[in-house]
PDB file of N, CA and C in Angstrom:
ATOM      1  N   UNK A   1      24.739  -2.693  -5.697  1.00  0.00           N
ATOM      2  CA  UNK A   1      25.126  -2.017  -4.485  1.00  0.00           C
ATOM      3  C   UNK A   1      26.637  -2.143  -4.321  1.00  0.00           C
ATOM      4  N   UNK A   2      27.232  -1.076  -3.893  1.00  0.00           N
ATOM      5  CA  UNK A   2      28.677  -1.089  -3.689  1.00  0.00           C
ATOM      6  C   UNK A   2      29.018  -2.028  -2.543  1.00  0.00           C
ATOM      7  N   UNK A   3      30.086  -2.777  -2.715  1.00  0.00           N
ATOM      8  CA  UNK A   3      30.446  -3.768  -1.713  1.00  0.00           C
ATOM      9  C   UNK A   3      31.150  -3.147  -0.517  1.00  0.00           C
ATOM     10  N   UNK A   4      31.730  -1.990  -0.682  1.00  0.00           N
ATOM     11  CA  UNK A   4      32.423  -1.331   0.426  1.00  0.00           C
ATOM     12  C   UNK A   4      32.435   0.171   0.178  1.00  0.00           C
ATOM     13  N   UNK A   5      32.810   0.893   1.201  1.00  0.00           N
ATOM     14  CA  UNK A   5      32.904   2.351   1.051  1.00  0.00           C
ATOM     15  C   UNK A   5      33.972   2.722   0.032  1.00  0.00           C
ATOM     16  N   UNK A   6      35.057   1.950  -0.013  1.00  0.00           N
ATOM     17  CA  UNK A   6      36.119   2.231  -0.979  1.00  0.00           C
ATOM     18  C   UNK A   6      35.610   2.058  -2.408  1.00  0.00           C
ATOM     19  N   UNK A   7      34.831   1.019  -2.618  1.00  0.00           N
ATOM     20  CA  UNK A   7      34.264   0.787  -3.949  1.00  0.00           C
ATOM     21  C   UNK A   7      33.310   1.921  -4.319  1.00  0.00           C
ATOM     22  N   UNK A   8      32.500   2.334  -3.362  1.00  0.00           N
ATOM     23  CA  UNK A   8      31.574   3.441  -3.609  1.00  0.00           C
ATOM     24  C   UNK A   8      32.333   4.720  -3.929  1.00  0.00           C
ATOM     25  N   UNK A   9      33.419   4.986  -3.200  1.00  0.00           N
ATOM     26  CA  UNK A   9      34.239   6.177  -3.472  1.00  0.00           C
ATOM     27  C   UNK A   9      34.842   6.118  -4.874  1.00  0.00           C
ATOM     28  N   UNK A  10      35.267   4.927  -5.294  1.00  0.00           N
ATOM     29  CA  UNK A  10      35.824   4.769  -6.641  1.00  0.00           C
ATOM     30  C   UNK A  10      34.766   5.059  -7.699  1.00  0.00           C
ATOM     31  N   UNK A  11      33.538   4.587  -7.473  1.00  0.00           N
ATOM     32  CA  UNK A  11      32.451   4.865  -8.420  1.00  0.00           C
ATOM     33  C   UNK A  11      32.157   6.364  -8.489  1.00  0.00           C
ATOM     34  N   UNK A  12      32.176   7.024  -7.346  1.00  0.00           N
ATOM     35  CA  UNK A  12      31.920   8.470  -7.304  1.00  0.00           C
ATOM     36  C   UNK A  12      33.007   9.220  -8.064  1.00  0.00           C
ATOM     37  N   UNK A  13      34.271   8.815  -7.874  1.00  0.00           N
ATOM     38  CA  UNK A  13      35.370   9.475  -8.596  1.00  0.00           C
ATOM     39  C   UNK A  13      35.223   9.282 -10.106  1.00  0.00           C
ATOM     40  N   UNK A  14      34.859   8.060 -10.532  1.00  0.00           N
ATOM     41  CA  UNK A  14      34.669   7.815 -11.965  1.00  0.00           C
ATOM     42  C   UNK A  14      33.548   8.672 -12.524  1.00  0.00           C
ATOM     43  N   UNK A  15      32.456   8.786 -11.777  1.00  0.00           N
ATOM     44  CA  UNK A  15      31.332   9.604 -12.237  1.00  0.00           C
ATOM     45  C   UNK A  15      31.729  11.075 -12.313  1.00  0.00           C
ATOM     46  N   UNK A  16      32.529  11.538 -11.355  1.00  0.00           N
ATOM     47  CA  UNK A  16      32.957  12.936 -11.340  1.00  0.00           C
ATOM     48  C   UNK A  16      33.879  13.256 -12.511  1.00  0.00           C
ATOM     49  N   UNK A  17      34.590  12.253 -13.024  1.00  0.00           N
ATOM     50  CA  UNK A  17      35.499  12.485 -14.147  1.00  0.00           C
ATOM     51  C   UNK A  17      34.766  12.616 -15.481  1.00  0.00           C
ATOM     52  N   UNK A  18      33.524  12.215 -15.534  1.00  0.00           N
ATOM     53  CA  UNK A  18      32.757  12.297 -16.782  1.00  0.00           C
ATOM     54  C   UNK A  18      32.268  13.727 -16.993  1.00  0.00           C
ATOM     55  N   UNK A  19      32.020  14.064 -18.268  1.00  0.00           N
ATOM     56  CA  UNK A  19      31.434  15.375 -18.528  1.00  0.00           C
ATOM     57  C   UNK A  19      29.941  15.320 -18.189  1.00  0.00           C
ATOM     58  N   UNK A  20      29.288  16.469 -18.061  1.00  0.00           N
ATOM     59  CA  UNK A  20      27.890  16.497 -17.620  1.00  0.00           C
ATOM     60  C   UNK A  20      26.940  15.658 -18.490  1.00  0.00           C
ATOM     61  N   UNK A  21      27.162  15.628 -19.791  1.00  0.00           N
ATOM     62  CA  UNK A  21      26.287  14.839 -20.661  1.00  0.00           C
ATOM     63  C   UNK A  21      26.439  13.343 -20.369  1.00  0.00           C
ATOM     64  N   UNK A  22      27.681  12.894 -20.181  1.00  0.00           N
ATOM     65  CA  UNK A  22      27.910  11.493 -19.858  1.00  0.00           C
ATOM     66  C   UNK A  22      27.362  11.147 -18.471  1.00  0.00           C
ATOM     67  N   UNK A  23      27.496  12.087 -17.535  1.00  0.00           N
ATOM     68  CA  UNK A  23      26.933  11.864 -16.207  1.00  0.00           C
ATOM     69  C   UNK A  23      25.421  11.677 -16.284  1.00  0.00           C
ATOM     70  N   UNK A  24      24.772  12.501 -17.096  1.00  0.00           N
ATOM     71  CA  UNK A  24      23.324  12.387 -17.255  1.00  0.00           C
ATOM     72  C   UNK A  24      22.949  11.044 -17.861  1.00  0.00           C
ATOM     73  N   UNK A  25      23.734  10.542 -18.816  1.00  0.00           N
ATOM     74  CA  UNK A  25      23.467   9.234 -19.408  1.00  0.00           C
ATOM     75  C   UNK A  25      23.594   8.123 -18.370  1.00  0.00           C
ATOM     76  N   UNK A  26      24.631   8.204 -17.541  1.00  0.00           N
ATOM     77  CA  UNK A  26      24.839   7.183 -16.512  1.00  0.00           C
ATOM     78  C   UNK A  26      23.676   7.184 -15.524  1.00  0.00           C
ATOM     79  N   UNK A  27      23.264   8.360 -15.088  1.00  0.00           N
ATOM     80  CA  UNK A  27      22.159   8.465 -14.135  1.00  0.00           C
ATOM     81  C   UNK A  27      20.856   7.941 -14.765  1.00  0.00           C
ATOM     82  N   UNK A  28      20.610   8.269 -16.026  1.00  0.00           N
ATOM     83  CA  UNK A  28      19.404   7.798 -16.703  1.00  0.00           C
ATOM     84  C   UNK A  28      19.411   6.277 -16.839  1.00  0.00           C
ATOM     85  N   UNK A  29      20.557   5.710 -17.189  1.00  0.00           N
ATOM     86  CA  UNK A  29      20.650   4.250 -17.303  1.00  0.00           C
ATOM     87  C   UNK A  29      20.462   3.575 -15.950  1.00  0.00           C
ATOM     88  N   UNK A  30      21.011   4.173 -14.908  1.00  0.00           N
ATOM     89  CA  UNK A  30      20.844   3.611 -13.564  1.00  0.00           C
ATOM     90  C   UNK A  30      19.374   3.636 -13.146  1.00  0.00           C
ATOM     91  N   UNK A  31      18.684   4.723 -13.447  1.00  0.00           N
ATOM     92  CA  UNK A  31      17.257   4.811 -13.124  1.00  0.00           C
ATOM     93  C   UNK A  31      16.458   3.776 -13.905  1.00  0.00           C
ATOM     94  N   UNK A  32      16.806   3.583 -15.179  1.00  0.00           N
ATOM     95  CA  UNK A  32      16.108   2.600 -16.004  1.00  0.00           C
ATOM     96  C   UNK A  32      16.350   1.182 -15.464  1.00  0.00           C
ATOM     97  N   UNK A  33      17.568   0.892 -15.059  1.00  0.00           N
ATOM     98  CA  UNK A  33      17.887  -0.415 -14.496  1.00  0.00           C
ATOM     99  C   UNK A  33      17.144  -0.641 -13.187  1.00  0.00           C
ATOM    100  N   UNK A  34      17.027   0.394 -12.371  1.00  0.00           N
ATOM    101  CA  UNK A  34      16.304   0.281 -11.105  1.00  0.00           C
ATOM    102  C   UNK A  34      14.839  -0.046 -11.357  1.00  0.00           C
ATOM    103  N   UNK A  35      14.221   0.602 -12.352  1.00  0.00           N
ATOM    104  CA  UNK A  35      12.819   0.319 -12.682  1.00  0.00           C
ATOM    105  C   UNK A  35      12.651  -1.105 -13.184  1.00  0.00           C
ATOM    106  N   UNK A  36      13.597  -1.567 -14.007  1.00  0.00           N
ATOM    107  CA  UNK A  36      13.527  -2.927 -14.538  1.00  0.00           C
ATOM    108  C   UNK A  36      13.630  -3.945 -13.411  1.00  0.00           C
ATOM    109  N   UNK A  37      14.540  -3.719 -12.466  1.00  0.00           N
ATOM    110  CA  UNK A  37      14.695  -4.638 -11.336  1.00  0.00           C
ATOM    111  C   UNK A  37      13.469  -4.603 -10.439  1.00  0.00           C
ATOM    112  N   UNK A  38      12.874  -3.423 -10.260  1.00  0.00           N
ATOM    113  CA  UNK A  38      11.688  -3.313  -9.414  1.00  0.00           C
ATOM    114  C   UNK A  38      10.524  -4.084 -10.039  1.00  0.00           C
ATOM    115  N   UNK A  39      10.389  -4.018 -11.367  1.00  0.00           N
ATOM    116  CA  UNK A  39       9.334  -4.773 -12.046  1.00  0.00           C
ATOM    117  C   UNK A  39       9.550  -6.271 -11.907  1.00  0.00           C
ATOM    118  N   UNK A  40      10.793  -6.705 -11.973  1.00  0.00           N
ATOM    119  CA  UNK A  40      11.092  -8.125 -11.878  1.00  0.00           C
ATOM    120  C   UNK A  40      10.835  -8.660 -10.473  1.00  0.00           C
ATOM    121  N   UNK A  41      10.990  -7.823  -9.456  1.00  0.00           N
ATOM    122  CA  UNK A  41      10.806  -8.259  -8.078  1.00  0.00           C
ATOM    123  C   UNK A  41       9.388  -8.050  -7.561  1.00  0.00           C
ATOM    124  N   UNK A  42       8.521  -7.521  -8.382  1.00  0.00           N
ATOM    125  CA  UNK A  42       7.163  -7.228  -7.950  1.00  0.00           C
ATOM    126  C   UNK A  42       6.387  -8.520  -7.716  1.00  0.00           C
ATOM    127  N   UNK A  43       5.709  -8.608  -6.584  1.00  0.00           N
ATOM    128  CA  UNK A  43       4.888  -9.759  -6.251  1.00  0.00           C
ATOM    129  C   UNK A  43       3.567  -9.662  -6.994  1.00  0.00           C
ATOM    130  N   UNK A  44       3.231 -10.706  -7.710  1.00  0.00           N
ATOM    131  CA  UNK A  44       1.973 -10.743  -8.436  1.00  0.00           C
ATOM    132  C   UNK A  44       1.124 -11.859  -7.844  1.00  0.00           C
ATOM    133  N   UNK A  45       0.017 -11.489  -7.253  1.00  0.00           N
ATOM    134  CA  UNK A  45      -0.889 -12.463  -6.666  1.00  0.00           C
ATOM    135  C   UNK A  45      -1.985 -12.754  -7.683  1.00  0.00           C
ATOM    136  N   UNK A  46      -2.131 -14.018  -8.078  1.00  0.00           N
ATOM    137  CA  UNK A  46      -3.156 -14.336  -9.065  1.00  0.00           C
ATOM    138  C   UNK A  46      -4.554 -14.165  -8.473  1.00  0.00           C
ATOM    139  N   UNK A  47      -5.463 -13.703  -9.288  1.00  0.00           N
ATOM    140  CA  UNK A  47      -6.849 -13.528  -8.877  1.00  0.00           C
ATOM    141  C   UNK A  47      -7.666 -14.627  -9.548  1.00  0.00           C
ATOM    142  N   UNK A  48      -8.295 -15.419  -8.722  1.00  0.00           N
ATOM    143  CA  UNK A  48      -9.117 -16.495  -9.257  1.00  0.00           C
ATOM    144  C   UNK A  48     -10.510 -15.975  -9.540  1.00  0.00           C
ATOM    145  N   UNK A  49     -11.010 -16.335 -10.677  1.00  0.00           N
ATOM    146  CA  UNK A  49     -12.356 -15.922 -11.044  1.00  0.00           C
ATOM    147  C   UNK A  49     -13.145 -17.177 -11.390  1.00  0.00           C
ATOM    148  N   UNK A  50     -14.395 -17.134 -11.082  1.00  0.00           N
ATOM    149  CA  UNK A  50     -15.208 -18.304 -11.376  1.00  0.00           C
ATOM    150  C   UNK A  50     -16.661 -17.921 -11.522  1.00  0.00           C
ATOM    151  N   UNK A  51     -17.472 -18.927 -11.724  1.00  0.00           N
ATOM    152  CA  UNK A  51     -18.900 -18.693 -11.885  1.00  0.00           C
ATOM    153  C   UNK A  51     -19.574 -18.542 -10.538  1.00  0.00           C
ATOM    154  N   UNK A  52     -20.875 -18.532 -10.561  1.00  0.00           N
ATOM    155  CA  UNK A  52     -21.653 -18.358  -9.342  1.00  0.00           C
ATOM    156  C   UNK A  52     -22.190 -19.680  -8.825  1.00  0.00           C
ATOM    157  N   UNK A  53     -21.911 -20.758  -9.494  1.00  0.00           N
ATOM    158  CA  UNK A  53     -22.491 -22.043  -9.130  1.00  0.00           C
ATOM    159  C   UNK A  53     -21.429 -22.962  -8.536  1.00  0.00           C
ATOM    160  N   UNK A  54     -21.765 -23.652  -7.446  1.00  0.00           N
ATOM    161  CA  UNK A  54     -20.860 -24.604  -6.804  1.00  0.00           C
ATOM    162  C   UNK A  54     -20.767 -25.856  -7.662  1.00  0.00           C
ATOM    163  N   UNK A  55     -19.538 -26.267  -7.970  1.00  0.00           N
ATOM    164  CA  UNK A  55     -19.331 -27.436  -8.824  1.00  0.00           C
ATOM    165  C   UNK A  55     -18.649 -28.579  -8.066  1.00  0.00           C
ATOM    166  N   UNK A  56     -18.465 -28.420  -6.759  1.00  0.00           N
ATOM    167  CA  UNK A  56     -17.697 -29.383  -5.981  1.00  0.00           C
ATOM    168  C   UNK A  56     -18.485 -30.561  -5.462  1.00  0.00           C
ATOM    169  N   UNK A  57     -19.717 -30.664  -5.750  1.00  0.00           N
ATOM    170  CA  UNK A  57     -20.512 -31.798  -5.279  1.00  0.00           C
ATOM    171  C   UNK A  57     -21.456 -31.392  -4.164  1.00  0.00           C
ATOM    172  N   UNK A  58     -22.125 -32.400  -3.610  1.00  0.00           N
ATOM    173  CA  UNK A  58     -23.130 -32.185  -2.580  1.00  0.00           C
ATOM    174  C   UNK A  58     -22.466 -31.927  -1.235  1.00  0.00           C
ATOM    175  N   UNK A  59     -22.983 -30.975  -0.471  1.00  0.00           N
ATOM    176  CA  UNK A  59     -22.395 -30.626   0.816  1.00  0.00           C
ATOM    177  C   UNK A  59     -23.341 -30.909   1.984  1.00  0.00           C
ATOM    178  N   UNK A  60     -24.293 -31.803   1.804  1.00  0.00           N
ATOM    179  CA  UNK A  60     -25.176 -32.083   2.942  1.00  0.00           C
ATOM    180  C   UNK A  60     -24.456 -32.963   3.956  1.00  0.00           C
ATOM    181  N   UNK A  61     -24.994 -33.066   5.173  1.00  0.00           N
ATOM    182  CA  UNK A  61     -24.334 -33.759   6.272  1.00  0.00           C
ATOM    183  C   UNK A  61     -24.093 -35.228   5.970  1.00  0.00           C
ATOM    184  N   UNK A  62     -25.032 -35.881   5.376  1.00  0.00           N
ATOM    185  CA  UNK A  62     -24.888 -37.304   5.089  1.00  0.00           C
ATOM    186  C   UNK A  62     -23.751 -37.564   4.102  1.00  0.00           C
ATOM    187  N   UNK A  63     -23.591 -36.690   3.133  1.00  0.00           N
ATOM    188  CA  UNK A  63     -22.536 -36.857   2.153  1.00  0.00           C
ATOM    189  C   UNK A  63     -21.167 -36.596   2.788  1.00  0.00           C
ATOM    190  N   UNK A  64     -21.099 -35.590   3.648  1.00  0.00           N
ATOM    191  CA  UNK A  64     -19.827 -35.251   4.264  1.00  0.00           C
ATOM    192  C   UNK A  64     -19.377 -36.272   5.320  1.00  0.00           C
ATOM    193  N   UNK A  65     -20.309 -36.701   6.174  1.00  0.00           N
ATOM    194  CA  UNK A  65     -19.930 -37.530   7.316  1.00  0.00           C
ATOM    195  C   UNK A  65     -20.392 -38.993   7.194  1.00  0.00           C
ATOM    196  N   UNK A  66     -21.154 -39.313   6.204  1.00  0.00           N
ATOM    197  CA  UNK A  66     -21.678 -40.666   6.100  1.00  0.00           C
ATOM    198  C   UNK A  66     -22.890 -40.831   7.007  1.00  0.00           C
ATOM    199  N   UNK A  67     -23.232 -42.024   7.251  1.00  0.00           N
ATOM    200  CA  UNK A  67     -24.452 -42.287   8.044  1.00  0.00           C
ATOM    201  C   UNK A  67     -24.096 -42.780   9.430  1.00  0.00           C
ATOM    202  N   UNK A  68     -23.046 -42.198  10.046  1.00  0.00           N
ATOM    203  CA  UNK A  68     -22.657 -42.664  11.378  1.00  0.00           C
ATOM    204  C   UNK A  68     -23.231 -41.804  12.505  1.00  0.00           C
ATOM    205  N   UNK A  69     -24.193 -40.963  12.226  1.00  0.00           N
ATOM    206  CA  UNK A  69     -24.923 -40.236  13.253  1.00  0.00           C
ATOM    207  C   UNK A  69     -24.247 -39.009  13.825  1.00  0.00           C
ATOM    208  N   UNK A  70     -23.325 -38.465  13.171  1.00  0.00           N
ATOM    209  CA  UNK A  70     -22.681 -37.258  13.689  1.00  0.00           C
ATOM    210  C   UNK A  70     -23.576 -36.079  13.592  1.00  0.00           C
TER     211      UNK A  70
END
C-alpha cells in the first residue's frame, strides 16, 4: 500500500511511462502477488475427526462426583 498520496502519484506516473505490454506485465504481477498474500492470510480452522465411541472414561455420577451424595 502506498504510504502517502505523493507516493501513490509517483507510482502512477511510473506506470504511465511504461509501454502497454510492460503495463500489462506489472498489473499481472500485482494480481498474482495479491492472490499469494490472500492465500497466506487465509484462516484455516482444523476439523477434528474421530470415531463413534467415547474413549474418555466412565461418565456416571459416582465417577464424576465421588460418593459425597451430590
